[in-house]
């Protein structure tokens, strides 16, 4: 469980990552360069992605747009940091579901997202354990309920199949009607009669 932090390498990136890391989230910093960031996003499967617009905002906007539309990352929450005022309207228009936040807001959101991710992981783990348990039971034949004990005074019910077939009357096989020999059959006409 991690958060992907996209920002070009500069002097203060490491301090920002450390500040966000204090929220309890595992921060994975990477530059927003294609295809590196996308391959990492597919590999890490982060529960949130943060993009810092402080350097190359046009490039960051294109990166955010791609992440928001890609099949592998479209469901992942996207947070944008330090969006310049002159790009704010374009960002809101192209990325209506992305949150424009400050570092403090992001740290608080990451605490909530971390708890949600842990809960989803726990539920997924429990579901997998239950599926393994059910598969084991099916394999051993334990999933079929035991037949109820026979009632007193009544004969035990015979299982279907062998015992029931033995007491059933035998039917004679009915022979299919015999076909006429080939010479006696009327030839099939392929063409319509001519007049």
C-alpha atoms as a PDB file:
ATOM      1  CA  UNK A   1       0.000   0.000   0.000  1.00  0.00           C
ATOM      2  CA  UNK A   2       1.613   3.163  -1.162  1.00  0.00           C
ATOM      3  CA  UNK A   3       1.117   6.657  -2.497  1.00  0.00           C
ATOM      4  CA  UNK A   4       2.740   7.633  -5.773  1.00  0.00           C
ATOM      5  CA  UNK A   5       4.236  11.149  -5.550  1.00  0.00           C
ATOM      6  CA  UNK A   6       5.030  12.607  -8.983  1.00  0.00           C
ATOM      7  CA  UNK A   7       7.410  15.557  -9.046  1.00  0.00           C
ATOM      8  CA  UNK A   8      10.509  16.424 -11.014  1.00  0.00           C
ATOM      9  CA  UNK A   9      13.728  15.996  -9.054  1.00  0.00           C
ATOM     10  CA  UNK A  10      14.741  19.161  -7.209  1.00  0.00           C
ATOM     11  CA  UNK A  11      16.253  20.128  -3.867  1.00  0.00           C
ATOM     12  CA  UNK A  12      13.083  20.115  -1.782  1.00  0.00           C
ATOM     13  CA  UNK A  13      11.399  16.971  -3.120  1.00  0.00           C
ATOM     14  CA  UNK A  14      12.947  14.722  -0.455  1.00  0.00           C
ATOM     15  CA  UNK A  15      11.848  17.018   2.397  1.00  0.00           C
ATOM     16  CA  UNK A  16       8.287  17.088   1.005  1.00  0.00           C
ATOM     17  CA  UNK A  17       8.256  13.297   0.750  1.00  0.00           C
ATOM     18  CA  UNK A  18       9.458  13.023   4.365  1.00  0.00           C
ATOM     19  CA  UNK A  19       6.727  15.409   5.569  1.00  0.00           C
ATOM     20  CA  UNK A  20       4.062  13.366   3.781  1.00  0.00           C
ATOM     21  CA  UNK A  21       5.620  10.164   5.118  1.00  0.00           C
ATOM     22  CA  UNK A  22       4.932  11.353   8.673  1.00  0.00           C
ATOM     23  CA  UNK A  23       1.240  10.793   7.978  1.00  0.00           C
ATOM     24  CA  UNK A  24       1.927   7.056   8.055  1.00  0.00           C
ATOM     25  CA  UNK A  25       1.707   6.560   4.316  1.00  0.00           C
ATOM     26  CA  UNK A  26       4.412   4.864   2.278  1.00  0.00           C
ATOM     27  CA  UNK A  27       5.394   7.507  -0.284  1.00  0.00           C
ATOM     28  CA  UNK A  28       7.013   6.427  -3.565  1.00  0.00           C
ATOM     29  CA  UNK A  29       8.579   9.470  -5.278  1.00  0.00           C
ATOM     30  CA  UNK A  30       9.059   9.378  -9.044  1.00  0.00           C
ATOM     31  CA  UNK A  31       9.434  11.910 -11.840  1.00  0.00           C
ATOM     32  CA  UNK A  32       6.413  12.318 -14.131  1.00  0.00           C
ATOM     33  CA  UNK A  33       8.244  10.945 -17.172  1.00  0.00           C
ATOM     34  CA  UNK A  34       6.563   8.502 -19.542  1.00  0.00           C
ATOM     35  CA  UNK A  35       6.574   5.448 -19.261  1.00  0.00           C
ATOM     36  CA  UNK A  36       8.447   5.261 -15.957  1.00  0.00           C
ATOM     37  CA  UNK A  37       5.683   6.688 -13.777  1.00  0.00           C
ATOM     38  CA  UNK A  38       2.974   4.595 -15.433  1.00  0.00           C
ATOM     39  CA  UNK A  39       4.896   1.316 -15.177  1.00  0.00           C
ATOM     40  CA  UNK A  40       5.503   2.076 -11.502  1.00  0.00           C
ATOM     41  CA  UNK A  41       1.820   2.867 -10.983  1.00  0.00           C
ATOM     42  CA  UNK A  42       0.820  -0.472 -12.519  1.00  0.00           C
ATOM     43  CA  UNK A  43       3.400  -2.314 -10.414  1.00  0.00           C
ATOM     44  CA  UNK A  44       2.755  -0.583  -7.066  1.00  0.00           C
ATOM     45  CA  UNK A  45      -1.041  -0.221  -7.430  1.00  0.00           C
ATOM     46  CA  UNK A  46      -1.095   2.860  -5.166  1.00  0.00           C
ATOM     47  CA  UNK A  47      -4.205   3.830  -3.234  1.00  0.00           C
ATOM     48  CA  UNK A  48      -3.584   7.505  -4.108  1.00  0.00           C
ATOM     49  CA  UNK A  49      -1.511   9.507  -6.583  1.00  0.00           C
ATOM     50  CA  UNK A  50      -0.218  13.024  -5.873  1.00  0.00           C
ATOM     51  CA  UNK A  51       1.204  15.260  -8.616  1.00  0.00           C
ATOM     52  CA  UNK A  52       3.202  18.372  -7.781  1.00  0.00           C
ATOM     53  CA  UNK A  53       2.742  21.135 -10.387  1.00  0.00           C
ATOM     54  CA  UNK A  54       5.586  23.335  -9.087  1.00  0.00           C
ATOM     55  CA  UNK A  55       7.769  22.521 -12.117  1.00  0.00           C
ATOM     56  CA  UNK A  56       6.577  22.063 -15.732  1.00  0.00           C
ATOM     57  CA  UNK A  57       2.855  22.527 -15.037  1.00  0.00           C
ATOM     58  CA  UNK A  58       1.843  21.784 -18.647  1.00  0.00           C
ATOM     59  CA  UNK A  59       3.655  18.466 -18.536  1.00  0.00           C
ATOM     60  CA  UNK A  60       2.141  17.659 -15.141  1.00  0.00           C
ATOM     61  CA  UNK A  61      -1.331  18.468 -16.484  1.00  0.00           C
ATOM     62  CA  UNK A  62      -0.850  16.028 -19.371  1.00  0.00           C
ATOM     63  CA  UNK A  63       0.447  13.403 -16.932  1.00  0.00           C
ATOM     64  CA  UNK A  64      -2.544  13.885 -14.618  1.00  0.00           C
ATOM     65  CA  UNK A  65      -4.934  13.727 -17.563  1.00  0.00           C
ATOM     66  CA  UNK A  66      -3.406  10.440 -18.718  1.00  0.00           C
ATOM     67  CA  UNK A  67      -3.552   8.936 -15.215  1.00  0.00           C
ATOM     68  CA  UNK A  68      -7.184   9.979 -14.819  1.00  0.00           C
ATOM     69  CA  UNK A  69      -8.148   8.251 -18.087  1.00  0.00           C
ATOM     70  CA  UNK A  70      -5.968   5.107 -18.016  1.00  0.00           C
ATOM     71  CA  UNK A  71      -7.792   1.873 -17.242  1.00  0.00           C
ATOM     72  CA  UNK A  72      -5.299   0.834 -14.544  1.00  0.00           C
ATOM     73  CA  UNK A  73      -5.416   4.118 -12.611  1.00  0.00           C
ATOM     74  CA  UNK A  74      -8.763   5.783 -13.317  1.00  0.00           C
ATOM     75  CA  UNK A  75     -10.261   4.589  -9.994  1.00  0.00           C
ATOM     76  CA  UNK A  76      -7.263   5.781  -7.960  1.00  0.00           C
ATOM     77  CA  UNK A  77      -7.803   9.110  -6.136  1.00  0.00           C
ATOM     78  CA  UNK A  78      -5.737  11.878  -7.731  1.00  0.00           C
ATOM     79  CA  UNK A  79      -4.470  14.879  -5.753  1.00  0.00           C
ATOM     80  CA  UNK A  80      -2.810  17.940  -7.299  1.00  0.00           C
ATOM     81  CA  UNK A  81      -0.351  20.134  -5.399  1.00  0.00           C
ATOM     82  CA  UNK A  82       0.857  23.682  -6.144  1.00  0.00           C
ATOM     83  CA  UNK A  83      -1.287  24.276  -9.221  1.00  0.00           C
ATOM     84  CA  UNK A  84      -0.427  27.747 -10.638  1.00  0.00           C
ATOM     85  CA  UNK A  85      -3.282  30.263 -10.626  1.00  0.00           C
ATOM     86  CA  UNK A  86      -3.141  30.711 -14.405  1.00  0.00           C
ATOM     87  CA  UNK A  87      -3.641  26.937 -14.883  1.00  0.00           C
ATOM     88  CA  UNK A  88      -6.325  26.478 -12.235  1.00  0.00           C
ATOM     89  CA  UNK A  89      -9.299  26.848 -14.602  1.00  0.00           C
ATOM     90  CA  UNK A  90      -7.839  24.477 -17.217  1.00  0.00           C
ATOM     91  CA  UNK A  91      -7.054  21.894 -14.527  1.00  0.00           C
ATOM     92  CA  UNK A  92     -10.580  22.024 -13.086  1.00  0.00           C
ATOM     93  CA  UNK A  93     -12.052  21.677 -16.584  1.00  0.00           C
ATOM     94  CA  UNK A  94      -9.899  18.697 -17.645  1.00  0.00           C
ATOM     95  CA  UNK A  95      -9.743  16.953 -14.265  1.00  0.00           C
ATOM     96  CA  UNK A  96     -13.022  17.559 -12.446  1.00  0.00           C
ATOM     97  CA  UNK A  97     -12.544  14.566 -10.108  1.00  0.00           C
ATOM     98  CA  UNK A  98      -9.002  15.460  -9.038  1.00  0.00           C
ATOM     99  CA  UNK A  99      -8.585  17.248  -5.745  1.00  0.00           C
ATOM    100  CA  UNK A 100      -6.487  20.408  -5.660  1.00  0.00           C
ATOM    101  CA  UNK A 101      -4.949  20.381  -2.194  1.00  0.00           C
ATOM    102  CA  UNK A 102      -2.160  21.755  -0.036  1.00  0.00           C
ATOM    103  CA  UNK A 103       0.463  19.568   1.626  1.00  0.00           C
ATOM    104  CA  UNK A 104      -1.326  19.768   4.978  1.00  0.00           C
ATOM    105  CA  UNK A 105      -4.643  18.781   3.395  1.00  0.00           C
ATOM    106  CA  UNK A 106      -2.945  15.935   1.544  1.00  0.00           C
ATOM    107  CA  UNK A 107      -1.356  14.615   4.743  1.00  0.00           C
ATOM    108  CA  UNK A 108      -4.787  14.503   6.396  1.00  0.00           C
ATOM    109  CA  UNK A 109      -6.378  12.852   3.349  1.00  0.00           C
ATOM    110  CA  UNK A 110      -3.633  10.252   3.210  1.00  0.00           C
ATOM    111  CA  UNK A 111      -4.363   9.187   6.794  1.00  0.00           C
ATOM    112  CA  UNK A 112      -7.988   8.525   5.794  1.00  0.00           C
ATOM    113  CA  UNK A 113      -7.005   6.826   2.518  1.00  0.00           C
ATOM    114  CA  UNK A 114      -4.467   4.635   4.358  1.00  0.00           C
ATOM    115  CA  UNK A 115      -7.179   3.393   6.730  1.00  0.00           C
ATOM    116  CA  UNK A 116      -9.520   2.686   3.812  1.00  0.00           C
ATOM    117  CA  UNK A 117      -6.758   0.801   1.979  1.00  0.00           C
ATOM    118  CA  UNK A 118      -5.971  -1.284   5.051  1.00  0.00           C
ATOM    119  CA  UNK A 119      -9.660  -2.122   5.490  1.00  0.00           C
ATOM    120  CA  UNK A 120      -9.958  -3.166   1.820  1.00  0.00           C
ATOM    121  CA  UNK A 121      -6.833  -5.308   2.154  1.00  0.00           C
ATOM    122  CA  UNK A 122      -8.217  -6.976   5.302  1.00  0.00           C
ATOM    123  CA  UNK A 123     -11.558  -7.700   3.587  1.00  0.00           C
ATOM    124  CA  UNK A 124      -9.777  -9.075   0.543  1.00  0.00           C
ATOM    125  CA  UNK A 125      -7.616 -11.299   2.733  1.00  0.00           C
ATOM    126  CA  UNK A 126     -10.661 -12.614   4.621  1.00  0.00           C
ATOM    127  CA  UNK A 127     -12.507 -13.302   1.360  1.00  0.00           C
ATOM    128  CA  UNK A 128      -9.502 -15.219   0.003  1.00  0.00           C
ATOM    129  CA  UNK A 129      -9.275 -17.272   3.211  1.00  0.00           C
ATOM    130  CA  UNK A 130     -12.998 -18.087   2.999  1.00  0.00           C
ATOM    131  CA  UNK A 131     -12.640 -19.079  -0.666  1.00  0.00           C
ATOM    132  CA  UNK A 132      -9.737 -21.414   0.210  1.00  0.00           C
ATOM    133  CA  UNK A 133     -11.780 -22.917   3.027  1.00  0.00           C
ATOM    134  CA  UNK A 134     -14.756 -23.499   0.701  1.00  0.00           C
ATOM    135  CA  UNK A 135     -12.522 -25.031  -1.974  1.00  0.00           C
ATOM    136  CA  UNK A 136     -10.976 -27.396   0.579  1.00  0.00           C
ATOM    137  CA  UNK A 137     -14.434 -28.441   1.780  1.00  0.00           C
ATOM    138  CA  UNK A 138     -15.613 -29.058  -1.798  1.00  0.00           C
ATOM    139  CA  UNK A 139     -12.523 -31.105  -2.528  1.00  0.00           C
ATOM    140  CA  UNK A 140     -13.121 -33.309   0.511  1.00  0.00           C
ATOM    141  CA  UNK A 141     -16.856 -33.524  -0.177  1.00  0.00           C
ATOM    142  CA  UNK A 142     -17.764 -31.807   3.050  1.00  0.00           C
ATOM    143  CA  UNK A 143     -20.017 -29.242   1.446  1.00  0.00           C
ATOM    144  CA  UNK A 144     -22.855 -31.779   0.926  1.00  0.00           C
ATOM    145  CA  UNK A 145     -25.115 -32.036   3.970  1.00  0.00           C
ATOM    146  CA  UNK A 146     -25.474 -35.492   5.524  1.00  0.00           C
ATOM    147  CA  UNK A 147     -28.809 -37.215   4.780  1.00  0.00           C
ATOM    148  CA  UNK A 148     -31.250 -37.151   7.696  1.00  0.00           C
ATOM    149  CA  UNK A 149     -31.591 -40.403   9.686  1.00  0.00           C
ATOM    150  CA  UNK A 150     -34.516 -42.659   8.567  1.00  0.00           C
ATOM    151  CA  UNK A 151     -37.781 -42.342  10.476  1.00  0.00           C
ATOM    152  CA  UNK A 152     -38.826 -45.199  12.763  1.00  0.00           C
ATOM    153  CA  UNK A 153     -41.281 -47.677  11.301  1.00  0.00           C
ATOM    154  CA  UNK A 154     -40.539 -46.784   7.694  1.00  0.00           C
ATOM    155  CA  UNK A 155     -38.102 -48.676   5.493  1.00  0.00           C
ATOM    156  CA  UNK A 156     -34.905 -46.822   4.698  1.00  0.00           C
ATOM    157  CA  UNK A 157     -35.004 -44.907   1.448  1.00  0.00           C
ATOM    158  CA  UNK A 158     -32.976 -46.563  -1.267  1.00  0.00           C
ATOM    159  CA  UNK A 159     -30.366 -44.428  -2.965  1.00  0.00           C
ATOM    160  CA  UNK A 160     -31.164 -43.553  -6.538  1.00  0.00           C
ATOM    161  CA  UNK A 161     -29.379 -45.422  -9.248  1.00  0.00           C
ATOM    162  CA  UNK A 162     -28.329 -49.021  -8.747  1.00  0.00           C
ATOM    163  CA  UNK A 163     -30.899 -50.278  -6.214  1.00  0.00           C
ATOM    164  CA  UNK A 164     -33.788 -48.507  -7.951  1.00  0.00           C
ATOM    165  CA  UNK A 165     -32.801 -49.886 -11.348  1.00  0.00           C
ATOM    166  CA  UNK A 166     -32.737 -53.462 -10.056  1.00  0.00           C
ATOM    167  CA  UNK A 167     -36.401 -53.380  -8.974  1.00  0.00           C
ATOM    168  CA  UNK A 168     -37.739 -51.588 -12.064  1.00  0.00           C
ATOM    169  CA  UNK A 169     -39.387 -53.763 -14.759  1.00  0.00           C
ATOM    170  CA  UNK A 170     -37.251 -54.452 -17.773  1.00  0.00           C
ATOM    171  CA  UNK A 171     -38.502 -52.909 -21.023  1.00  0.00           C
ATOM    172  CA  UNK A 172     -37.951 -54.538 -24.381  1.00  0.00           C
ATOM    173  CA  UNK A 173     -36.110 -52.552 -26.959  1.00  0.00           C
ATOM    174  CA  UNK A 174     -38.288 -51.591 -29.889  1.00  0.00           C
ATOM    175  CA  UNK A 175     -36.665 -52.285 -33.241  1.00  0.00           C
ATOM    176  CA  UNK A 176     -36.543 -49.458 -35.733  1.00  0.00           C
ATOM    177  CA  UNK A 177     -38.545 -50.006 -38.963  1.00  0.00           C
ATOM    178  CA  UNK A 178     -36.519 -51.631 -41.706  1.00  0.00           C
ATOM    179  CA  UNK A 179     -35.559 -49.599 -44.731  1.00  0.00           C
ATOM    180  CA  UNK A 180     -36.366 -50.722 -48.258  1.00  0.00           C
ATOM    181  CA  UNK A 181     -33.490 -51.928 -50.370  1.00  0.00           C
ATOM    182  CA  UNK A 182     -31.934 -49.275 -52.595  1.00  0.00           C
ATOM    183  CA  UNK A 183     -33.313 -50.730 -55.830  1.00  0.00           C
ATOM    184  CA  UNK A 184     -36.911 -50.604 -54.607  1.00  0.00           C
ATOM    185  CA  UNK A 185     -36.750 -46.934 -53.599  1.00  0.00           C
ATOM    186  CA  UNK A 186     -38.011 -44.265 -55.911  1.00  0.00           C
ATOM    187  CA  UNK A 187     -35.163 -42.062 -57.140  1.00  0.00           C
ATOM    188  CA  UNK A 188     -35.202 -38.510 -55.879  1.00  0.00           C
ATOM    189  CA  UNK A 189     -35.724 -35.952 -58.568  1.00  0.00           C
ATOM    190  CA  UNK A 190     -33.446 -33.001 -58.579  1.00  0.00           C
ATOM    191  CA  UNK A 191     -35.091 -31.004 -61.305  1.00  0.00           C
ATOM    192  CA  UNK A 192     -38.628 -29.789 -61.628  1.00  0.00           C
ATOM    193  CA  UNK A 193     -40.772 -31.635 -64.138  1.00  0.00           C
ATOM    194  CA  UNK A 194     -40.719 -30.120 -67.603  1.00  0.00           C
ATOM    195  CA  UNK A 195     -44.058 -29.470 -69.325  1.00  0.00           C
END
